[in-house]
Each structure stands twice: as C-alpha cells, then as structure tokens.
Amino acid sequence: MNDPAANEFLIVGKTLDGRTFRPSDWSERLAGVMSQFRPGGPRPGSHLGYSPWCHPVVRGGVKCVVVHADLRDHDVMAWDFCVNFARDNQLVVESGRAKERVRTAADAADTKKPP
C-alpha cells in the first residue's frame, strides 16, 4: 500500500527558534491562496474550499499546512511558493505527517479510566 503521507511535507506554525508563527490565521491564508491548484484545475467556486494538495491541519494545538507532492507535479511554481514561504519565514518543515495523531472518542474514554 502506498502511504500518502510519504509524498507530502508539513509546514509547522513554529519558527526555527521555537516561537509561534503569526498571524494566527496564517495556515488558512496560505491554503486559501493555494485553493485554485487542484485536480482538474480551478473551477467556479473552487476558491470556497481548500485544495487536497495544500490544506491546513492542527497538530498538537499547532497550526500547520500539509503540502502534497502532486502540487509540484501540477504546478512547480505553486510548489516553490509553499517551499519559499516556509523558508522565508524560517518555519519548521517536516516530512509527511507521521507525528499527526487524531484523537478519537475511544481515546477520550481511555483517559477517564482510573489507573
């Protein structure tokens, strides 16, 4: 099975010196700019949703943006824009989303059990 996380990188909302990146809506702004880059190209109304190739996520309470390699295959300048955004703002970049964990209702129930 091909793991999609192996074909993407994560721009983390933390600078290399550990500060939280501002403004607080940076991930939504970046993903919004990239919303037109999607399978099949831009369509009417495509600006109303994020591209599957560049979308915001929250990991451990930190805002992040996932950038998939398909974006590079579709438009290398859009890919470079994301890469340069991270570099210019000295943001942490990680390969894939291996550290991302989704908290489920079952996880919450487990934490309520006495030791």
C-alpha atoms as a PDB file:
ATOM      1  CA  MET A   1       0.000   0.000   0.000  1.00  0.00           C
ATOM      2  CA  ASN A   2       1.269   3.452  -0.895  1.00  0.00           C
ATOM      3  CA  ASP A   3       1.289   5.772   2.134  1.00  0.00           C
ATOM      4  CA  PRO A   4       0.120   9.249   1.030  1.00  0.00           C
ATOM      5  CA  ALA A   5       1.943  10.861   3.951  1.00  0.00           C
ATOM      6  CA  ALA A   6       5.250   9.785   2.383  1.00  0.00           C
ATOM      7  CA  ASN A   7       4.539  12.119  -0.548  1.00  0.00           C
ATOM      8  CA  GLU A   8       3.946  15.282   1.441  1.00  0.00           C
ATOM      9  CA  PHE A   9       5.531  17.684   3.824  1.00  0.00           C
ATOM     10  CA  LEU A  10       4.198  19.642   6.742  1.00  0.00           C
ATOM     11  CA  ILE A  11       4.824  23.343   7.322  1.00  0.00           C
ATOM     12  CA  VAL A  12       4.589  23.737  11.086  1.00  0.00           C
ATOM     13  CA  GLY A  13       3.447  27.022  12.656  1.00  0.00           C
ATOM     14  CA  LYS A  14       6.623  27.280  14.723  1.00  0.00           C
ATOM     15  CA  THR A  15       9.741  29.196  13.768  1.00  0.00           C
ATOM     16  CA  LEU A  16      13.136  27.540  13.904  1.00  0.00           C
ATOM     17  CA  ASP A  17      13.783  29.365  17.190  1.00  0.00           C
ATOM     18  CA  GLY A  18      10.567  27.933  18.707  1.00  0.00           C
ATOM     19  CA  ARG A  19       8.215  30.911  18.521  1.00  0.00           C
ATOM     20  CA  THR A  20       4.594  30.548  17.393  1.00  0.00           C
ATOM     21  CA  PHE A  21       4.214  31.934  13.878  1.00  0.00           C
ATOM     22  CA  ARG A  22       1.888  34.907  13.470  1.00  0.00           C
ATOM     23  CA  PRO A  23      -0.651  35.944  12.321  1.00  0.00           C
ATOM     24  CA  SER A  24      -2.796  33.269  13.916  1.00  0.00           C
ATOM     25  CA  ASP A  25      -4.663  32.557  10.642  1.00  0.00           C
ATOM     26  CA  TRP A  26      -1.516  32.079   8.535  1.00  0.00           C
ATOM     27  CA  SER A  27      -2.353  28.453   7.670  1.00  0.00           C
ATOM     28  CA  GLU A  28      -5.829  29.321   6.392  1.00  0.00           C
ATOM     29  CA  ARG A  29      -4.410  32.224   4.367  1.00  0.00           C
ATOM     30  CA  LEU A  30      -1.704  30.114   2.732  1.00  0.00           C
ATOM     31  CA  ALA A  31      -4.117  27.274   1.952  1.00  0.00           C
ATOM     32  CA  GLY A  32      -6.646  29.803   0.641  1.00  0.00           C
ATOM     33  CA  VAL A  33      -4.130  31.232  -1.817  1.00  0.00           C
ATOM     34  CA  MET A  34      -3.349  27.705  -2.985  1.00  0.00           C
ATOM     35  CA  SER A  35      -7.022  26.647  -3.284  1.00  0.00           C
ATOM     36  CA  GLN A  36      -7.076  27.080  -7.065  1.00  0.00           C
ATOM     37  CA  PHE A  37      -4.378  24.420  -7.500  1.00  0.00           C
ATOM     38  CA  ARG A  38      -6.363  21.194  -7.519  1.00  0.00           C
ATOM     39  CA  PRO A  39      -7.019  18.100  -9.615  1.00  0.00           C
ATOM     40  CA  GLY A  40      -8.777  19.211 -12.792  1.00  0.00           C
ATOM     41  CA  GLY A  41      -7.681  22.813 -12.304  1.00  0.00           C
ATOM     42  CA  PRO A  42      -9.650  25.725 -10.892  1.00  0.00           C
ATOM     43  CA  ARG A  43     -13.410  25.671 -11.332  1.00  0.00           C
ATOM     44  CA  PRO A  44     -16.114  28.156 -10.427  1.00  0.00           C
ATOM     45  CA  GLY A  45     -16.410  28.109  -6.659  1.00  0.00           C
ATOM     46  CA  SER A  46     -13.118  26.277  -6.088  1.00  0.00           C
ATOM     47  CA  HIS A  47     -11.914  29.222  -4.010  1.00  0.00           C
ATOM     48  CA  LEU A  48     -14.502  28.209  -1.400  1.00  0.00           C
ATOM     49  CA  GLY A  49     -12.651  25.021  -0.422  1.00  0.00           C
ATOM     50  CA  TYR A  50      -9.054  24.015   0.158  1.00  0.00           C
ATOM     51  CA  SER A  51      -7.064  22.084  -2.391  1.00  0.00           C
ATOM     52  CA  PRO A  52      -6.374  18.453  -1.487  1.00  0.00           C
ATOM     53  CA  TRP A  53      -2.742  19.251  -2.304  1.00  0.00           C
ATOM     54  CA  CYS A  54      -2.400  22.118   0.193  1.00  0.00           C
ATOM     55  CA  HIS A  55      -4.641  22.328   3.230  1.00  0.00           C
ATOM     56  CA  PRO A  56      -4.463  23.391   6.871  1.00  0.00           C
ATOM     57  CA  VAL A  57      -4.393  20.962   9.792  1.00  0.00           C
ATOM     58  CA  VAL A  58      -3.844  21.306  13.523  1.00  0.00           C
ATOM     59  CA  ARG A  59      -1.320  19.009  15.167  1.00  0.00           C
ATOM     60  CA  GLY A  60      -0.873  19.124  18.912  1.00  0.00           C
ATOM     61  CA  GLY A  61      -2.579  22.513  19.046  1.00  0.00           C
ATOM     62  CA  VAL A  62      -0.187  23.980  16.465  1.00  0.00           C
ATOM     63  CA  LYS A  63      -1.489  25.170  13.111  1.00  0.00           C
ATOM     64  CA  CYS A  64       0.208  23.522  10.141  1.00  0.00           C
ATOM     65  CA  VAL A  65      -0.195  23.192   6.376  1.00  0.00           C
ATOM     66  CA  VAL A  66       0.112  19.902   4.519  1.00  0.00           C
ATOM     67  CA  VAL A  67       1.642  20.234   1.036  1.00  0.00           C
ATOM     68  CA  HIS A  68       1.376  17.158  -1.193  1.00  0.00           C
ATOM     69  CA  ALA A  69       3.872  16.291  -3.954  1.00  0.00           C
ATOM     70  CA  ASP A  70       1.046  16.252  -6.517  1.00  0.00           C
ATOM     71  CA  LEU A  71       1.094  20.048  -6.268  1.00  0.00           C
ATOM     72  CA  ARG A  72       4.665  20.035  -7.596  1.00  0.00           C
ATOM     73  CA  ASP A  73       3.648  17.767 -10.476  1.00  0.00           C
ATOM     74  CA  HIS A  74       0.724  20.054 -11.321  1.00  0.00           C
ATOM     75  CA  ASP A  75       2.454  23.445 -10.977  1.00  0.00           C
ATOM     76  CA  VAL A  76       6.067  23.738  -9.886  1.00  0.00           C
ATOM     77  CA  MET A  77       5.733  27.482  -9.255  1.00  0.00           C
ATOM     78  CA  ALA A  78       2.918  26.864  -6.751  1.00  0.00           C
ATOM     79  CA  TRP A  79       5.098  24.237  -5.048  1.00  0.00           C
ATOM     80  CA  ASP A  80       8.009  26.677  -4.930  1.00  0.00           C
ATOM     81  CA  PHE A  81       5.730  29.308  -3.422  1.00  0.00           C
ATOM     82  CA  CYS A  82       4.951  26.987  -0.482  1.00  0.00           C
ATOM     83  CA  VAL A  83       8.570  25.928  -0.045  1.00  0.00           C
ATOM     84  CA  ASN A  84       9.776  29.527  -0.181  1.00  0.00           C
ATOM     85  CA  PHE A  85       7.043  30.658   2.229  1.00  0.00           C
ATOM     86  CA  ALA A  86       8.353  28.209   4.821  1.00  0.00           C
ATOM     87  CA  ARG A  87      11.975  29.112   4.169  1.00  0.00           C
ATOM     88  CA  ASP A  88      11.467  32.890   4.107  1.00  0.00           C
ATOM     89  CA  ASN A  89       9.542  32.796   7.396  1.00  0.00           C
ATOM     90  CA  GLN A  90      12.011  30.349   8.976  1.00  0.00           C
ATOM     91  CA  LEU A  91       9.285  27.809   9.750  1.00  0.00           C
ATOM     92  CA  VAL A  92       9.823  24.224  10.819  1.00  0.00           C
ATOM     93  CA  VAL A  93       9.233  21.776   7.952  1.00  0.00           C
ATOM     94  CA  GLU A  94       8.706  18.052   8.500  1.00  0.00           C
ATOM     95  CA  SER A  95       8.458  15.225   6.022  1.00  0.00           C
ATOM     96  CA  GLY A  96       4.988  13.702   5.964  1.00  0.00           C
ATOM     97  CA  ARG A  97       2.519  13.699   8.839  1.00  0.00           C
ATOM     98  CA  ALA A  98       3.874  10.725  10.760  1.00  0.00           C
ATOM     99  CA  LYS A  99       3.578  12.582  14.070  1.00  0.00           C
ATOM    100  CA  GLU A 100      -0.020  13.592  13.451  1.00  0.00           C
ATOM    101  CA  ARG A 101      -2.470  11.751  15.680  1.00  0.00           C
ATOM    102  CA  VAL A 102      -6.227  12.034  15.574  1.00  0.00           C
ATOM    103  CA  ARG A 103      -7.867  11.937  18.977  1.00  0.00           C
ATOM    104  CA  THR A 104     -10.951   9.741  18.888  1.00  0.00           C
ATOM    105  CA  ALA A 105     -13.844   9.329  21.305  1.00  0.00           C
ATOM    106  CA  ALA A 106     -12.327   5.968  22.330  1.00  0.00           C
ATOM    107  CA  ASP A 107      -9.079   7.744  23.244  1.00  0.00           C
ATOM    108  CA  ALA A 108     -11.007  10.213  25.397  1.00  0.00           C
ATOM    109  CA  ALA A 109     -12.823   7.368  27.163  1.00  0.00           C
ATOM    110  CA  ASP A 110      -9.495   5.629  27.895  1.00  0.00           C
ATOM    111  CA  THR A 111      -8.151   8.723  29.653  1.00  0.00           C
ATOM    112  CA  LYS A 112     -11.136   8.726  32.046  1.00  0.00           C
ATOM    113  CA  LYS A 113     -10.431   5.227  33.333  1.00  0.00           C
ATOM    114  CA  PRO A 114      -8.773   5.096  36.759  1.00  0.00           C
ATOM    115  CA  PRO A 115      -5.163   3.757  36.801  1.00  0.00           C
END
